[in-house]
Amino acid sequence: MPEPERLQIVVNGQPRAVAAGSTVASLLQELEMTARHVAVEVNLELIPRARHAEHLLSAGDQLEVVTLVGGG
């Protein structure tokens, strides 16, 4: 059985390979991050939480995943 195709992306400045067809939501799951506690930018565009499951990642995408911290 052939290996699934992998895409090279960059997450917070670090290269990462993800399966073709990955979404922002599946990446967050792989990173073990809770979607409601993070903000995600793909190529400098903020991706609303409601679109995480539908936003497909592409080879070369540059992502910034920022953890939201409450308190003061």
PDB file of N, CA and C in Angstrom:
ATOM      1  N   MET A   1       0.843  -1.177   0.000  1.00  0.00           N
ATOM      2  CA  MET A   1       0.000   0.000   0.000  1.00  0.00           C
ATOM      3  C   MET A   1       0.890   1.243   0.000  1.00  0.00           C
ATOM      4  N   PRO A   2       0.682   2.189  -0.929  1.00  0.00           N
ATOM      5  CA  PRO A   2       1.551   3.374  -1.003  1.00  0.00           C
ATOM      6  C   PRO A   2       1.337   4.305   0.183  1.00  0.00           C
ATOM      7  N   GLU A   3       2.405   5.006   0.539  1.00  0.00           N
ATOM      8  CA  GLU A   3       2.324   6.000   1.616  1.00  0.00           C
ATOM      9  C   GLU A   3       1.428   7.150   1.178  1.00  0.00           C
ATOM     10  N   PRO A   4       0.622   7.703   2.089  1.00  0.00           N
ATOM     11  CA  PRO A   4      -0.174   8.874   1.718  1.00  0.00           C
ATOM     12  C   PRO A   4       0.754  10.051   1.399  1.00  0.00           C
ATOM     13  N   GLU A   5       0.324  10.890   0.487  1.00  0.00           N
ATOM     14  CA  GLU A   5       1.123  12.057   0.118  1.00  0.00           C
ATOM     15  C   GLU A   5       1.263  12.983   1.323  1.00  0.00           C
ATOM     16  N   ARG A   6       2.455  13.552   1.490  1.00  0.00           N
ATOM     17  CA  ARG A   6       2.717  14.482   2.595  1.00  0.00           C
ATOM     18  C   ARG A   6       3.003  15.863   2.017  1.00  0.00           C
ATOM     19  N   LEU A   7       2.535  16.886   2.692  1.00  0.00           N
ATOM     20  CA  LEU A   7       2.786  18.267   2.309  1.00  0.00           C
ATOM     21  C   LEU A   7       3.737  18.892   3.317  1.00  0.00           C
ATOM     22  N   GLN A   8       4.631  19.719   2.835  1.00  0.00           N
ATOM     23  CA  GLN A   8       5.534  20.448   3.716  1.00  0.00           C
ATOM     24  C   GLN A   8       4.924  21.816   3.999  1.00  0.00           C
ATOM     25  N   ILE A   9       4.743  22.112   5.287  1.00  0.00           N
ATOM     26  CA  ILE A   9       4.251  23.414   5.723  1.00  0.00           C
ATOM     27  C   ILE A   9       5.214  23.934   6.787  1.00  0.00           C
ATOM     28  N   VAL A  10       4.968  25.139   7.262  1.00  0.00           N
ATOM     29  CA  VAL A  10       5.764  25.713   8.349  1.00  0.00           C
ATOM     30  C   VAL A  10       4.796  26.153   9.443  1.00  0.00           C
ATOM     31  N   VAL A  11       5.028  25.656  10.664  1.00  0.00           N
ATOM     32  CA  VAL A  11       4.173  25.999  11.807  1.00  0.00           C
ATOM     33  C   VAL A  11       5.032  26.709  12.848  1.00  0.00           C
ATOM     34  N   ASN A  12       4.712  27.958  13.119  1.00  0.00           N
ATOM     35  CA  ASN A  12       5.471  28.764  14.085  1.00  0.00           C
ATOM     36  C   ASN A  12       6.967  28.713  13.793  1.00  0.00           C
ATOM     37  N   GLY A  13       7.311  28.815  12.498  1.00  0.00           N
ATOM     38  CA  GLY A  13       8.710  28.869  12.093  1.00  0.00           C
ATOM     39  C   GLY A  13       9.388  27.517  11.966  1.00  0.00           C
ATOM     40  N   GLN A  14       8.685  26.424  12.259  1.00  0.00           N
ATOM     41  CA  GLN A  14       9.288  25.087  12.209  1.00  0.00           C
ATOM     42  C   GLN A  14       8.689  24.286  11.048  1.00  0.00           C
ATOM     43  N   PRO A  15       9.549  23.682  10.203  1.00  0.00           N
ATOM     44  CA  PRO A  15       9.018  22.853   9.118  1.00  0.00           C
ATOM     45  C   PRO A  15       8.259  21.656   9.679  1.00  0.00           C
ATOM     46  N   ARG A  16       7.197  21.270   8.984  1.00  0.00           N
ATOM     47  CA  ARG A  16       6.376  20.138   9.427  1.00  0.00           C
ATOM     48  C   ARG A  16       5.747  19.492   8.201  1.00  0.00           C
ATOM     49  N   ALA A  17       5.647  18.178   8.222  1.00  0.00           N
ATOM     50  CA  ALA A  17       4.972  17.447   7.149  1.00  0.00           C
ATOM     51  C   ALA A  17       3.601  17.021   7.653  1.00  0.00           C
ATOM     52  N   VAL A  18       2.585  17.252   6.828  1.00  0.00           N
ATOM     53  CA  VAL A  18       1.224  16.824   7.160  1.00  0.00           C
ATOM     54  C   VAL A  18       0.666  16.046   5.974  1.00  0.00           C
ATOM     55  N   ALA A  19      -0.335  15.238   6.226  1.00  0.00           N
ATOM     56  CA  ALA A  19      -0.972  14.465   5.161  1.00  0.00           C
ATOM     57  C   ALA A  19      -1.708  15.396   4.206  1.00  0.00           C
ATOM     58  N   ALA A  20      -1.666  15.062   2.918  1.00  0.00           N
ATOM     59  CA  ALA A  20      -2.458  15.802   1.938  1.00  0.00           C
ATOM     60  C   ALA A  20      -3.914  15.740   2.371  1.00  0.00           C
ATOM     61  N   GLY A  21      -4.633  16.839   2.230  1.00  0.00           N
ATOM     62  CA  GLY A  21      -6.025  16.894   2.652  1.00  0.00           C
ATOM     63  C   GLY A  21      -6.204  17.328   4.095  1.00  0.00           C
ATOM     64  N   SER A  22      -5.095  17.635   4.782  1.00  0.00           N
ATOM     65  CA  SER A  22      -5.198  18.098   6.174  1.00  0.00           C
ATOM     66  C   SER A  22      -5.863  19.468   6.222  1.00  0.00           C
ATOM     67  N   THR A  23      -6.575  19.694   7.319  1.00  0.00           N
ATOM     68  CA  THR A  23      -7.214  20.983   7.566  1.00  0.00           C
ATOM     69  C   THR A  23      -6.562  21.618   8.793  1.00  0.00           C
ATOM     70  N   VAL A  24      -6.914  22.862   9.046  1.00  0.00           N
ATOM     71  CA  VAL A  24      -6.447  23.524  10.267  1.00  0.00           C
ATOM     72  C   VAL A  24      -6.885  22.709  11.484  1.00  0.00           C
ATOM     73  N   ALA A  25      -8.131  22.233  11.479  1.00  0.00           N
ATOM     74  CA  ALA A  25      -8.643  21.455  12.617  1.00  0.00           C
ATOM     75  C   ALA A  25      -7.850  20.175  12.825  1.00  0.00           C
ATOM     76  N   SER A  26      -7.529  19.461  11.748  1.00  0.00           N
ATOM     77  CA  SER A  26      -6.785  18.209  11.911  1.00  0.00           C
ATOM     78  C   SER A  26      -5.355  18.473  12.377  1.00  0.00           C
ATOM     79  N   LEU A  27      -4.765  19.589  11.934  1.00  0.00           N
ATOM     80  CA  LEU A  27      -3.434  19.953  12.410  1.00  0.00           C
ATOM     81  C   LEU A  27      -3.466  20.238  13.906  1.00  0.00           C
ATOM     82  N   LEU A  28      -4.464  20.999  14.361  1.00  0.00           N
ATOM     83  CA  LEU A  28      -4.566  21.303  15.791  1.00  0.00           C
ATOM     84  C   LEU A  28      -4.732  20.028  16.602  1.00  0.00           C
ATOM     85  N   GLN A  29      -5.496  19.083  16.078  1.00  0.00           N
ATOM     86  CA  GLN A  29      -5.666  17.801  16.768  1.00  0.00           C
ATOM     87  C   GLN A  29      -4.323  17.067  16.840  1.00  0.00           C
ATOM     88  N   GLU A  30      -3.586  17.072  15.739  1.00  0.00           N
ATOM     89  CA  GLU A  30      -2.271  16.428  15.705  1.00  0.00           C
ATOM     90  C   GLU A  30      -1.314  17.083  16.707  1.00  0.00           C
ATOM     91  N   LEU A  31      -1.438  18.408  16.851  1.00  0.00           N
ATOM     92  CA  LEU A  31      -0.587  19.155  17.790  1.00  0.00           C
ATOM     93  C   LEU A  31      -1.105  19.070  19.223  1.00  0.00           C
ATOM     94  N   GLU A  32      -2.255  18.405  19.416  1.00  0.00           N
ATOM     95  CA  GLU A  32      -2.901  18.278  20.717  1.00  0.00           C
ATOM     96  C   GLU A  32      -3.210  19.638  21.327  1.00  0.00           C
ATOM     97  N   MET A  33      -3.771  20.522  20.478  1.00  0.00           N
ATOM     98  CA  MET A  33      -4.170  21.856  20.929  1.00  0.00           C
ATOM     99  C   MET A  33      -5.680  21.968  20.817  1.00  0.00           C
ATOM    100  N   THR A  34      -6.295  22.629  21.773  1.00  0.00           N
ATOM    101  CA  THR A  34      -7.739  22.844  21.769  1.00  0.00           C
ATOM    102  C   THR A  34      -8.056  24.082  20.948  1.00  0.00           C
ATOM    103  N   ALA A  35      -8.900  23.921  19.939  1.00  0.00           N
ATOM    104  CA  ALA A  35      -9.197  25.014  19.005  1.00  0.00           C
ATOM    105  C   ALA A  35      -9.704  26.271  19.703  1.00  0.00           C
ATOM    106  N   ARG A  36     -10.472  26.117  20.784  1.00  0.00           N
ATOM    107  CA  ARG A  36     -11.021  27.324  21.395  1.00  0.00           C
ATOM    108  C   ARG A  36      -9.998  28.095  22.208  1.00  0.00           C
ATOM    109  N   HIS A  37      -8.785  27.545  22.361  1.00  0.00           N
ATOM    110  CA  HIS A  37      -7.744  28.253  23.115  1.00  0.00           C
ATOM    111  C   HIS A  37      -6.623  28.780  22.222  1.00  0.00           C
ATOM    112  N   VAL A  38      -6.819  28.739  20.902  1.00  0.00           N
ATOM    113  CA  VAL A  38      -5.765  29.209  20.008  1.00  0.00           C
ATOM    114  C   VAL A  38      -6.345  30.098  18.914  1.00  0.00           C
ATOM    115  N   ALA A  39      -5.469  30.920  18.349  1.00  0.00           N
ATOM    116  CA  ALA A  39      -5.777  31.680  17.133  1.00  0.00           C
ATOM    117  C   ALA A  39      -4.824  31.156  16.064  1.00  0.00           C
ATOM    118  N   VAL A  40      -5.333  31.007  14.844  1.00  0.00           N
ATOM    119  CA  VAL A  40      -4.524  30.444  13.766  1.00  0.00           C
ATOM    120  C   VAL A  40      -4.518  31.386  12.573  1.00  0.00           C
ATOM    121  N   GLU A  41      -3.314  31.710  12.104  1.00  0.00           N
ATOM    122  CA  GLU A  41      -3.139  32.460  10.865  1.00  0.00           C
ATOM    123  C   GLU A  41      -2.513  31.529   9.842  1.00  0.00           C
ATOM    124  N   VAL A  42      -3.019  31.565   8.623  1.00  0.00           N
ATOM    125  CA  VAL A  42      -2.411  30.839   7.510  1.00  0.00           C
ATOM    126  C   VAL A  42      -2.029  31.892   6.478  1.00  0.00           C
ATOM    127  N   ASN A  43      -0.728  31.978   6.203  1.00  0.00           N
ATOM    128  CA  ASN A  43      -0.217  32.971   5.243  1.00  0.00           C
ATOM    129  C   ASN A  43      -0.728  34.379   5.579  1.00  0.00           C
ATOM    130  N   LEU A  44      -0.631  34.720   6.870  1.00  0.00           N
ATOM    131  CA  LEU A  44      -0.985  36.035   7.418  1.00  0.00           C
ATOM    132  C   LEU A  44      -2.484  36.310   7.438  1.00  0.00           C
ATOM    133  N   GLU A  45      -3.327  35.328   7.127  1.00  0.00           N
ATOM    134  CA  GLU A  45      -4.781  35.494   7.184  1.00  0.00           C
ATOM    135  C   GLU A  45      -5.329  34.739   8.386  1.00  0.00           C
ATOM    136  N   LEU A  46      -6.017  35.472   9.275  1.00  0.00           N
ATOM    137  CA  LEU A  46      -6.631  34.838  10.436  1.00  0.00           C
ATOM    138  C   LEU A  46      -7.759  33.923   9.963  1.00  0.00           C
ATOM    139  N   ILE A  47      -7.714  32.661  10.396  1.00  0.00           N
ATOM    140  CA  ILE A  47      -8.745  31.699  10.038  1.00  0.00           C
ATOM    141  C   ILE A  47      -9.715  31.594  11.214  1.00  0.00           C
ATOM    142  N   PRO A  48     -10.972  32.024  11.031  1.00  0.00           N
ATOM    143  CA  PRO A  48     -11.935  31.941  12.140  1.00  0.00           C
ATOM    144  C   PRO A  48     -12.126  30.489  12.586  1.00  0.00           C
ATOM    145  N   ARG A  49     -12.352  30.311  13.874  1.00  0.00           N
ATOM    146  CA  ARG A  49     -12.535  28.967  14.443  1.00  0.00           C
ATOM    147  C   ARG A  49     -13.604  28.185  13.689  1.00  0.00           C
ATOM    148  N   ALA A  50     -14.665  28.843  13.263  1.00  0.00           N
ATOM    149  CA  ALA A  50     -15.755  28.173  12.550  1.00  0.00           C
ATOM    150  C   ALA A  50     -15.302  27.588  11.218  1.00  0.00           C
ATOM    151  N   ARG A  51     -14.171  28.060  10.673  1.00  0.00           N
ATOM    152  CA  ARG A  51     -13.673  27.562   9.389  1.00  0.00           C
ATOM    153  C   ARG A  51     -12.501  26.600   9.518  1.00  0.00           C
ATOM    154  N   HIS A  52     -12.057  26.292  10.740  1.00  0.00           N
ATOM    155  CA  HIS A  52     -10.904  25.399  10.920  1.00  0.00           C
ATOM    156  C   HIS A  52     -11.105  24.054  10.239  1.00  0.00           C
ATOM    157  N   ALA A  53     -12.298  23.478  10.331  1.00  0.00           N
ATOM    158  CA  ALA A  53     -12.540  22.138   9.787  1.00  0.00           C
ATOM    159  C   ALA A  53     -12.615  22.130   8.264  1.00  0.00           C
ATOM    160  N   GLU A  54     -12.844  23.283   7.650  1.00  0.00           N
ATOM    161  CA  GLU A  54     -12.978  23.318   6.193  1.00  0.00           C
ATOM    162  C   GLU A  54     -11.771  23.924   5.489  1.00  0.00           C
ATOM    163  N   HIS A  55     -10.876  24.582   6.225  1.00  0.00           N
ATOM    164  CA  HIS A  55      -9.730  25.242   5.596  1.00  0.00           C
ATOM    165  C   HIS A  55      -8.630  24.218   5.320  1.00  0.00           C
ATOM    166  N   LEU A  56      -8.475  23.843   4.044  1.00  0.00           N
ATOM    167  CA  LEU A  56      -7.449  22.872   3.653  1.00  0.00           C
ATOM    168  C   LEU A  56      -6.076  23.528   3.631  1.00  0.00           C
ATOM    169  N   LEU A  57      -5.086  22.780   4.092  1.00  0.00           N
ATOM    170  CA  LEU A  57      -3.706  23.252   4.058  1.00  0.00           C
ATOM    171  C   LEU A  57      -3.086  22.894   2.708  1.00  0.00           C
ATOM    172  N   SER A  58      -2.178  23.755   2.245  1.00  0.00           N
ATOM    173  CA  SER A  58      -1.486  23.544   0.978  1.00  0.00           C
ATOM    174  C   SER A  58       0.009  23.516   1.225  1.00  0.00           C
ATOM    175  N   ALA A  59       0.734  22.867   0.335  1.00  0.00           N
ATOM    176  CA  ALA A  59       2.197  22.821   0.434  1.00  0.00           C
ATOM    177  C   ALA A  59       2.731  24.247   0.489  1.00  0.00           C
ATOM    178  N   GLY A  60       3.654  24.482   1.409  1.00  0.00           N
ATOM    179  CA  GLY A  60       4.278  25.793   1.540  1.00  0.00           C
ATOM    180  C   GLY A  60       3.539  26.768   2.434  1.00  0.00           C
ATOM    181  N   ASP A  61       2.362  26.389   2.940  1.00  0.00           N
ATOM    182  CA  ASP A  61       1.626  27.288   3.832  1.00  0.00           C
ATOM    183  C   ASP A  61       2.483  27.640   5.045  1.00  0.00           C
ATOM    184  N   GLN A  62       2.373  28.893   5.468  1.00  0.00           N
ATOM    185  CA  GLN A  62       3.053  29.388   6.665  1.00  0.00           C
ATOM    186  C   GLN A  62       1.983  29.636   7.720  1.00  0.00           C
ATOM    187  N   LEU A  63       2.033  28.886   8.816  1.00  0.00           N
ATOM    188  CA  LEU A  63       1.029  29.017   9.875  1.00  0.00           C
ATOM    189  C   LEU A  63       1.640  29.591  11.136  1.00  0.00           C
ATOM    190  N   GLU A  64       0.862  30.398  11.800  1.00  0.00           N
ATOM    191  CA  GLU A  64       1.189  30.859  13.145  1.00  0.00           C
ATOM    192  C   GLU A  64       0.036  30.411  14.034  1.00  0.00           C
ATOM    193  N   VAL A  65       0.364  29.634  15.047  1.00  0.00           N
ATOM    194  CA  VAL A  65      -0.633  29.147  16.000  1.00  0.00           C
ATOM    195  C   VAL A  65      -0.284  29.785  17.336  1.00  0.00           C
ATOM    196  N   VAL A  66      -1.196  30.605  17.851  1.00  0.00           N
ATOM    197  CA  VAL A  66      -0.943  31.365  19.074  1.00  0.00           C
ATOM    198  C   VAL A  66      -1.910  30.901  20.145  1.00  0.00           C
ATOM    199  N   THR A  67      -1.374  30.521  21.288  1.00  0.00           N
ATOM    200  CA  THR A  67      -2.195  30.103  22.422  1.00  0.00           C
ATOM    201  C   THR A  67      -2.720  31.338  23.134  1.00  0.00           C
ATOM    202  N   LEU A  68      -4.009  31.343  23.392  1.00  0.00           N
ATOM    203  CA  LEU A  68      -4.625  32.461  24.102  1.00  0.00           C
ATOM    204  C   LEU A  68      -4.533  32.208  25.596  1.00  0.00           C
ATOM    205  N   VAL A  69      -4.083  33.210  26.332  1.00  0.00           N
ATOM    206  CA  VAL A  69      -3.915  33.079  27.766  1.00  0.00           C
ATOM    207  C   VAL A  69      -4.800  34.117  28.449  1.00  0.00           C
ATOM    208  N   GLY A  70      -5.623  33.664  29.379  1.00  0.00           N
ATOM    209  CA  GLY A  70      -6.487  34.567  30.117  1.00  0.00           C
ATOM    210  C   GLY A  70      -5.813  35.071  31.384  1.00  0.00           C
ATOM    211  N   GLY A  71      -6.443  35.974  32.017  1.00  0.00           N
ATOM    212  CA  GLY A  71      -5.917  36.477  33.280  1.00  0.00           C
ATOM    213  C   GLY A  71      -5.260  37.832  33.114  1.00  0.00           C
ATOM    214  N   GLY A  72      -4.556  38.245  34.144  1.00  0.00           N
ATOM    215  CA  GLY A  72      -3.955  39.568  34.035  1.00  0.00           C
ATOM    216  C   GLY A  72      -2.928  39.806  35.042  1.00  0.00           C
TER     217      GLY A  72
END
